[in-house]
Amino acid sequence: MPEPKKVKLICPECDKEVELVDGEGVCGNCGLDVGWVVEKRRRDRAVKKLDEREEAEVHPPKTKKRFAF
């Protein structure tokens, strides 16, 4: 069985160190689910990038009509 992935992060609420095991972990000081916060940030950034790409595809940049000689 593979080793669980462990990551140490700082809790965004109380600035205490929290260890995430396979993406899940709760702050012992304030009780915040830090794993959920990290996953939400990652998901929000990915959705934002997808929206920007779709918007760029839907609305091509406008160019001025020029005469070519």
PDB file of N, CA and C in Angstrom:
ATOM      1  N   MET A   1       0.841  -1.169   0.000  1.00  0.00           N
ATOM      2  CA  MET A   1       0.000   0.000   0.000  1.00  0.00           C
ATOM      3  C   MET A   1       0.894   1.244   0.000  1.00  0.00           C
ATOM      4  N   PRO A   2       0.558   2.260  -0.839  1.00  0.00           N
ATOM      5  CA  PRO A   2       1.410   3.452  -0.924  1.00  0.00           C
ATOM      6  C   PRO A   2       1.350   4.276   0.357  1.00  0.00           C
ATOM      7  N   GLU A   3       2.427   5.013   0.573  1.00  0.00           N
ATOM      8  CA  GLU A   3       2.518   5.883   1.742  1.00  0.00           C
ATOM      9  C   GLU A   3       1.526   7.041   1.605  1.00  0.00           C
ATOM     10  N   PRO A   4       0.860   7.435   2.689  1.00  0.00           N
ATOM     11  CA  PRO A   4      -0.028   8.602   2.595  1.00  0.00           C
ATOM     12  C   PRO A   4       0.791   9.878   2.394  1.00  0.00           C
ATOM     13  N   LYS A   5       0.270  10.773   1.577  1.00  0.00           N
ATOM     14  CA  LYS A   5       0.959  12.028   1.280  1.00  0.00           C
ATOM     15  C   LYS A   5       0.710  13.011   2.421  1.00  0.00           C
ATOM     16  N   LYS A   6       1.796  13.479   3.041  1.00  0.00           N
ATOM     17  CA  LYS A   6       1.693  14.404   4.161  1.00  0.00           C
ATOM     18  C   LYS A   6       2.264  15.759   3.766  1.00  0.00           C
ATOM     19  N   VAL A   7       1.507  16.810   4.090  1.00  0.00           N
ATOM     20  CA  VAL A   7       1.911  18.179   3.781  1.00  0.00           C
ATOM     21  C   VAL A   7       1.642  19.038   5.011  1.00  0.00           C
ATOM     22  N   LYS A   8       2.587  19.910   5.342  1.00  0.00           N
ATOM     23  CA  LYS A   8       2.399  20.825   6.459  1.00  0.00           C
ATOM     24  C   LYS A   8       2.067  22.209   5.911  1.00  0.00           C
ATOM     25  N   LEU A   9       0.980  22.791   6.413  1.00  0.00           N
ATOM     26  CA  LEU A   9       0.521  24.108   5.994  1.00  0.00           C
ATOM     27  C   LEU A   9       0.242  24.966   7.217  1.00  0.00           C
ATOM     28  N   ILE A  10       0.045  26.243   6.983  1.00  0.00           N
ATOM     29  CA  ILE A  10      -0.324  27.181   8.026  1.00  0.00           C
ATOM     30  C   ILE A  10      -1.830  27.417   7.938  1.00  0.00           C
ATOM     31  N   CYS A  11      -2.515  27.333   9.072  1.00  0.00           N
ATOM     32  CA  CYS A  11      -3.955  27.565   9.124  1.00  0.00           C
ATOM     33  C   CYS A  11      -4.239  29.031   8.786  1.00  0.00           C
ATOM     34  N   PRO A  12      -5.154  29.305   7.830  1.00  0.00           N
ATOM     35  CA  PRO A  12      -5.436  30.693   7.468  1.00  0.00           C
ATOM     36  C   PRO A  12      -6.161  31.474   8.566  1.00  0.00           C
ATOM     37  N   GLU A  13      -6.794  30.805   9.498  1.00  0.00           N
ATOM     38  CA  GLU A  13      -7.526  31.487  10.569  1.00  0.00           C
ATOM     39  C   GLU A  13      -6.623  31.899  11.724  1.00  0.00           C
ATOM     40  N   CYS A  14      -5.825  30.939  12.245  1.00  0.00           N
ATOM     41  CA  CYS A  14      -5.097  31.204  13.486  1.00  0.00           C
ATOM     42  C   CYS A  14      -3.579  31.143  13.337  1.00  0.00           C
ATOM     43  N   ASP A  15      -3.059  30.921  12.131  1.00  0.00           N
ATOM     44  CA  ASP A  15      -1.619  30.901  11.841  1.00  0.00           C
ATOM     45  C   ASP A  15      -0.854  29.823  12.608  1.00  0.00           C
ATOM     46  N   LYS A  16      -1.485  28.697  12.866  1.00  0.00           N
ATOM     47  CA  LYS A  16      -0.818  27.555  13.489  1.00  0.00           C
ATOM     48  C   LYS A  16      -0.515  26.523  12.402  1.00  0.00           C
ATOM     49  N   GLU A  17       0.491  25.705  12.617  1.00  0.00           N
ATOM     50  CA  GLU A  17       0.880  24.690  11.644  1.00  0.00           C
ATOM     51  C   GLU A  17      -0.083  23.497  11.702  1.00  0.00           C
ATOM     52  N   VAL A  18      -0.544  23.045  10.528  1.00  0.00           N
ATOM     53  CA  VAL A  18      -1.474  21.923  10.408  1.00  0.00           C
ATOM     54  C   VAL A  18      -0.877  20.924   9.435  1.00  0.00           C
ATOM     55  N   GLU A  19      -0.970  19.641   9.740  1.00  0.00           N
ATOM     56  CA  GLU A  19      -0.478  18.600   8.843  1.00  0.00           C
ATOM     57  C   GLU A  19      -1.654  17.969   8.103  1.00  0.00           C
ATOM     58  N   LEU A  20      -1.593  18.028   6.776  1.00  0.00           N
ATOM     59  CA  LEU A  20      -2.618  17.402   5.946  1.00  0.00           C
ATOM     60  C   LEU A  20      -2.145  16.018   5.540  1.00  0.00           C
ATOM     61  N   VAL A  21      -2.995  15.026   5.704  1.00  0.00           N
ATOM     62  CA  VAL A  21      -2.693  13.664   5.290  1.00  0.00           C
ATOM     63  C   VAL A  21      -3.661  13.323   4.164  1.00  0.00           C
ATOM     64  N   ASP A  22      -3.127  13.111   2.964  1.00  0.00           N
ATOM     65  CA  ASP A  22      -3.929  12.848   1.757  1.00  0.00           C
ATOM     66  C   ASP A  22      -4.973  13.940   1.521  1.00  0.00           C
ATOM     67  N   GLY A  23      -4.602  15.190   1.764  1.00  0.00           N
ATOM     68  CA  GLY A  23      -5.482  16.314   1.483  1.00  0.00           C
ATOM     69  C   GLY A  23      -6.521  16.586   2.543  1.00  0.00           C
ATOM     70  N   GLU A  24      -6.476  15.896   3.664  1.00  0.00           N
ATOM     71  CA  GLU A  24      -7.470  16.102   4.709  1.00  0.00           C
ATOM     72  C   GLU A  24      -6.776  16.442   6.017  1.00  0.00           C
ATOM     73  N   GLY A  25      -7.286  17.455   6.691  1.00  0.00           N
ATOM     74  CA  GLY A  25      -6.725  17.839   7.978  1.00  0.00           C
ATOM     75  C   GLY A  25      -7.531  18.948   8.607  1.00  0.00           C
ATOM     76  N   VAL A  26      -7.594  18.923   9.929  1.00  0.00           N
ATOM     77  CA  VAL A  26      -8.352  19.917  10.686  1.00  0.00           C
ATOM     78  C   VAL A  26      -7.392  20.599  11.654  1.00  0.00           C
ATOM     79  N   CYS A  27      -7.524  21.892  11.778  1.00  0.00           N
ATOM     80  CA  CYS A  27      -6.686  22.649  12.701  1.00  0.00           C
ATOM     81  C   CYS A  27      -7.059  22.287  14.133  1.00  0.00           C
ATOM     82  N   GLY A  28      -6.070  21.948  14.939  1.00  0.00           N
ATOM     83  CA  GLY A  28      -6.317  21.582  16.321  1.00  0.00           C
ATOM     84  C   GLY A  28      -6.653  22.768  17.195  1.00  0.00           C
ATOM     85  N   ASN A  29      -6.266  23.961  16.769  1.00  0.00           N
ATOM     86  CA  ASN A  29      -6.493  25.149  17.583  1.00  0.00           C
ATOM     87  C   ASN A  29      -7.894  25.736  17.366  1.00  0.00           C
ATOM     88  N   CYS A  30      -8.280  25.952  16.113  1.00  0.00           N
ATOM     89  CA  CYS A  30      -9.564  26.615  15.842  1.00  0.00           C
ATOM     90  C   CYS A  30     -10.623  25.682  15.255  1.00  0.00           C
ATOM     91  N   GLY A  31     -10.238  24.479  14.823  1.00  0.00           N
ATOM     92  CA  GLY A  31     -11.201  23.518  14.292  1.00  0.00           C
ATOM     93  C   GLY A  31     -11.542  23.711  12.822  1.00  0.00           C
ATOM     94  N   LEU A  32     -10.816  24.553  12.122  1.00  0.00           N
ATOM     95  CA  LEU A  32     -11.081  24.795  10.701  1.00  0.00           C
ATOM     96  C   LEU A  32     -10.619  23.595   9.875  1.00  0.00           C
ATOM     97  N   ASP A  33     -11.427  23.186   8.898  1.00  0.00           N
ATOM     98  CA  ASP A  33     -11.060  22.097   7.993  1.00  0.00           C
ATOM     99  C   ASP A  33     -10.147  22.668   6.911  1.00  0.00           C
ATOM    100  N   VAL A  34      -8.849  22.628   7.146  1.00  0.00           N
ATOM    101  CA  VAL A  34      -7.859  23.244   6.262  1.00  0.00           C
ATOM    102  C   VAL A  34      -7.816  22.514   4.913  1.00  0.00           C
ATOM    103  N   GLY A  35      -8.028  21.220   4.904  1.00  0.00           N
ATOM    104  CA  GLY A  35      -8.052  20.468   3.650  1.00  0.00           C
ATOM    105  C   GLY A  35      -9.131  20.968   2.714  1.00  0.00           C
ATOM    106  N   TRP A  36     -10.287  21.277   3.267  1.00  0.00           N
ATOM    107  CA  TRP A  36     -11.394  21.785   2.462  1.00  0.00           C
ATOM    108  C   TRP A  36     -11.063  23.170   1.906  1.00  0.00           C
ATOM    109  N   VAL A  37     -10.434  24.024   2.720  1.00  0.00           N
ATOM    110  CA  VAL A  37     -10.071  25.372   2.289  1.00  0.00           C
ATOM    111  C   VAL A  37      -9.085  25.310   1.126  1.00  0.00           C
ATOM    112  N   VAL A  38      -8.080  24.440   1.232  1.00  0.00           N
ATOM    113  CA  VAL A  38      -7.077  24.301   0.166  1.00  0.00           C
ATOM    114  C   VAL A  38      -7.744  23.795  -1.117  1.00  0.00           C
ATOM    115  N   GLU A  39      -8.616  22.817  -1.005  1.00  0.00           N
ATOM    116  CA  GLU A  39      -9.305  22.271  -2.180  1.00  0.00           C
ATOM    117  C   GLU A  39     -10.197  23.330  -2.818  1.00  0.00           C
ATOM    118  N   LYS A  40     -10.892  24.128  -2.023  1.00  0.00           N
ATOM    119  CA  LYS A  40     -11.764  25.173  -2.553  1.00  0.00           C
ATOM    120  C   LYS A  40     -10.958  26.228  -3.306  1.00  0.00           C
ATOM    121  N   ARG A  41      -9.819  26.641  -2.750  1.00  0.00           N
ATOM    122  CA  ARG A  41      -8.966  27.615  -3.445  1.00  0.00           C
ATOM    123  C   ARG A  41      -8.479  27.073  -4.779  1.00  0.00           C
ATOM    124  N   ARG A  42      -8.057  25.812  -4.787  1.00  0.00           N
ATOM    125  CA  ARG A  42      -7.571  25.189  -6.013  1.00  0.00           C
ATOM    126  C   ARG A  42      -8.689  25.121  -7.063  1.00  0.00           C
ATOM    127  N   ARG A  43      -9.878  24.741  -6.640  1.00  0.00           N
ATOM    128  CA  ARG A  43     -11.010  24.625  -7.555  1.00  0.00           C
ATOM    129  C   ARG A  43     -11.413  25.994  -8.094  1.00  0.00           C
ATOM    130  N   ASP A  44     -11.445  27.015  -7.230  1.00  0.00           N
ATOM    131  CA  ASP A  44     -11.824  28.359  -7.669  1.00  0.00           C
ATOM    132  C   ASP A  44     -10.850  28.918  -8.702  1.00  0.00           C
ATOM    133  N   ARG A  45      -9.544  28.681  -8.497  1.00  0.00           N
ATOM    134  CA  ARG A  45      -8.557  29.139  -9.472  1.00  0.00           C
ATOM    135  C   ARG A  45      -8.731  28.439 -10.810  1.00  0.00           C
ATOM    136  N   ALA A  46      -9.004  27.131 -10.780  1.00  0.00           N
ATOM    137  CA  ALA A  46      -9.180  26.377 -12.028  1.00  0.00           C
ATOM    138  C   ALA A  46     -10.422  26.850 -12.772  1.00  0.00           C
ATOM    139  N   VAL A  47     -11.502  27.090 -12.063  1.00  0.00           N
ATOM    140  CA  VAL A  47     -12.734  27.558 -12.700  1.00  0.00           C
ATOM    141  C   VAL A  47     -12.523  28.941 -13.302  1.00  0.00           C
ATOM    142  N   LYS A  48     -11.789  29.799 -12.609  1.00  0.00           N
ATOM    143  CA  LYS A  48     -11.515  31.137 -13.119  1.00  0.00           C
ATOM    144  C   LYS A  48     -10.723  31.076 -14.422  1.00  0.00           C
ATOM    145  N   LYS A  49      -9.713  30.203 -14.473  1.00  0.00           N
ATOM    146  CA  LYS A  49      -8.921  30.059 -15.699  1.00  0.00           C
ATOM    147  C   LYS A  49      -9.775  29.535 -16.847  1.00  0.00           C
ATOM    148  N   LEU A  50     -10.659  28.565 -16.573  1.00  0.00           N
ATOM    149  CA  LEU A  50     -11.531  28.043 -17.622  1.00  0.00           C
ATOM    150  C   LEU A  50     -12.477  29.121 -18.138  1.00  0.00           C
ATOM    151  N   ASP A  51     -13.024  29.925 -17.237  1.00  0.00           N
ATOM    152  CA  ASP A  51     -13.915  31.008 -17.654  1.00  0.00           C
ATOM    153  C   ASP A  51     -13.187  32.012 -18.537  1.00  0.00           C
ATOM    154  N   GLU A  52     -11.943  32.334 -18.182  1.00  0.00           N
ATOM    155  CA  GLU A  52     -11.167  33.277 -18.989  1.00  0.00           C
ATOM    156  C   GLU A  52     -10.902  32.715 -20.380  1.00  0.00           C
ATOM    157  N   ARG A  53     -10.595  31.432 -20.465  1.00  0.00           N
ATOM    158  CA  ARG A  53     -10.344  30.813 -21.775  1.00  0.00           C
ATOM    159  C   ARG A  53     -11.607  30.800 -22.620  1.00  0.00           C
ATOM    160  N   GLU A  54     -12.742  30.443 -22.017  1.00  0.00           N
ATOM    161  CA  GLU A  54     -13.998  30.410 -22.765  1.00  0.00           C
ATOM    162  C   GLU A  54     -14.390  31.807 -23.227  1.00  0.00           C
ATOM    163  N   GLU A  55     -14.175  32.803 -22.396  1.00  0.00           N
ATOM    164  CA  GLU A  55     -14.504  34.169 -22.768  1.00  0.00           C
ATOM    165  C   GLU A  55     -13.630  34.648 -23.929  1.00  0.00           C
ATOM    166  N   ALA A  56     -12.368  34.256 -23.925  1.00  0.00           N
ATOM    167  CA  ALA A  56     -11.466  34.647 -25.011  1.00  0.00           C
ATOM    168  C   ALA A  56     -11.884  33.979 -26.319  1.00  0.00           C
ATOM    169  N   GLU A  57     -12.399  32.760 -26.248  1.00  0.00           N
ATOM    170  CA  GLU A  57     -12.831  32.066 -27.462  1.00  0.00           C
ATOM    171  C   GLU A  57     -14.126  32.650 -28.011  1.00  0.00           C
ATOM    172  N   VAL A  58     -15.030  33.054 -27.147  1.00  0.00           N
ATOM    173  CA  VAL A  58     -16.326  33.563 -27.573  1.00  0.00           C
ATOM    174  C   VAL A  58     -16.202  34.961 -28.156  1.00  0.00           C
ATOM    175  N   HIS A  59     -15.403  35.810 -27.558  1.00  0.00           N
ATOM    176  CA  HIS A  59     -15.267  37.191 -27.993  1.00  0.00           C
ATOM    177  C   HIS A  59     -13.881  37.426 -28.580  1.00  0.00           C
ATOM    178  N   PRO A  60     -13.734  37.241 -29.901  1.00  0.00           N
ATOM    179  CA  PRO A  60     -12.423  37.512 -30.496  1.00  0.00           C
ATOM    180  C   PRO A  60     -12.133  39.020 -30.430  1.00  0.00           C
ATOM    181  N   PRO A  61     -10.881  39.374 -30.348  1.00  0.00           N
ATOM    182  CA  PRO A  61     -10.544  40.799 -30.259  1.00  0.00           C
ATOM    183  C   PRO A  61     -10.959  41.535 -31.532  1.00  0.00           C
ATOM    184  N   LYS A  62     -11.475  42.734 -31.349  1.00  0.00           N
ATOM    185  CA  LYS A  62     -11.912  43.523 -32.499  1.00  0.00           C
ATOM    186  C   LYS A  62     -10.706  44.191 -33.139  1.00  0.00           C
ATOM    187  N   THR A  63     -10.687  44.180 -34.468  1.00  0.00           N
ATOM    188  CA  THR A  63      -9.600  44.823 -35.208  1.00  0.00           C
ATOM    189  C   THR A  63     -10.185  45.892 -36.125  1.00  0.00           C
ATOM    190  N   LYS A  64      -9.404  46.875 -36.393  1.00  0.00           N
ATOM    191  CA  LYS A  64      -9.841  47.932 -37.293  1.00  0.00           C
ATOM    192  C   LYS A  64      -9.698  47.466 -38.722  1.00  0.00           C
ATOM    193  N   LYS A  65     -10.648  47.859 -39.544  1.00  0.00           N
ATOM    194  CA  LYS A  65     -10.562  47.529 -40.969  1.00  0.00           C
ATOM    195  C   LYS A  65      -9.615  48.516 -41.621  1.00  0.00           C
ATOM    196  N   ARG A  66      -8.615  47.981 -42.275  1.00  0.00           N
ATOM    197  CA  ARG A  66      -7.597  48.824 -42.912  1.00  0.00           C
ATOM    198  C   ARG A  66      -7.495  48.449 -44.383  1.00  0.00           C
ATOM    199  N   PHE A  67      -7.060  49.407 -45.152  1.00  0.00           N
ATOM    200  CA  PHE A  67      -6.856  49.139 -46.561  1.00  0.00           C
ATOM    201  C   PHE A  67      -5.512  48.494 -46.771  1.00  0.00           C
ATOM    202  N   ALA A  68      -5.483  47.502 -47.637  1.00  0.00           N
ATOM    203  CA  ALA A  68      -4.218  46.838 -47.955  1.00  0.00           C
ATOM    204  C   ALA A  68      -3.830  47.208 -49.370  1.00  0.00           C
ATOM    205  N   PHE A  69      -2.618  47.646 -49.572  1.00  0.00           N
ATOM    206  CA  PHE A  69      -2.154  48.022 -50.905  1.00  0.00           C
ATOM    207  C   PHE A  69      -1.265  46.962 -51.456  1.00  0.00           C
TER     208      PHE A  69
END
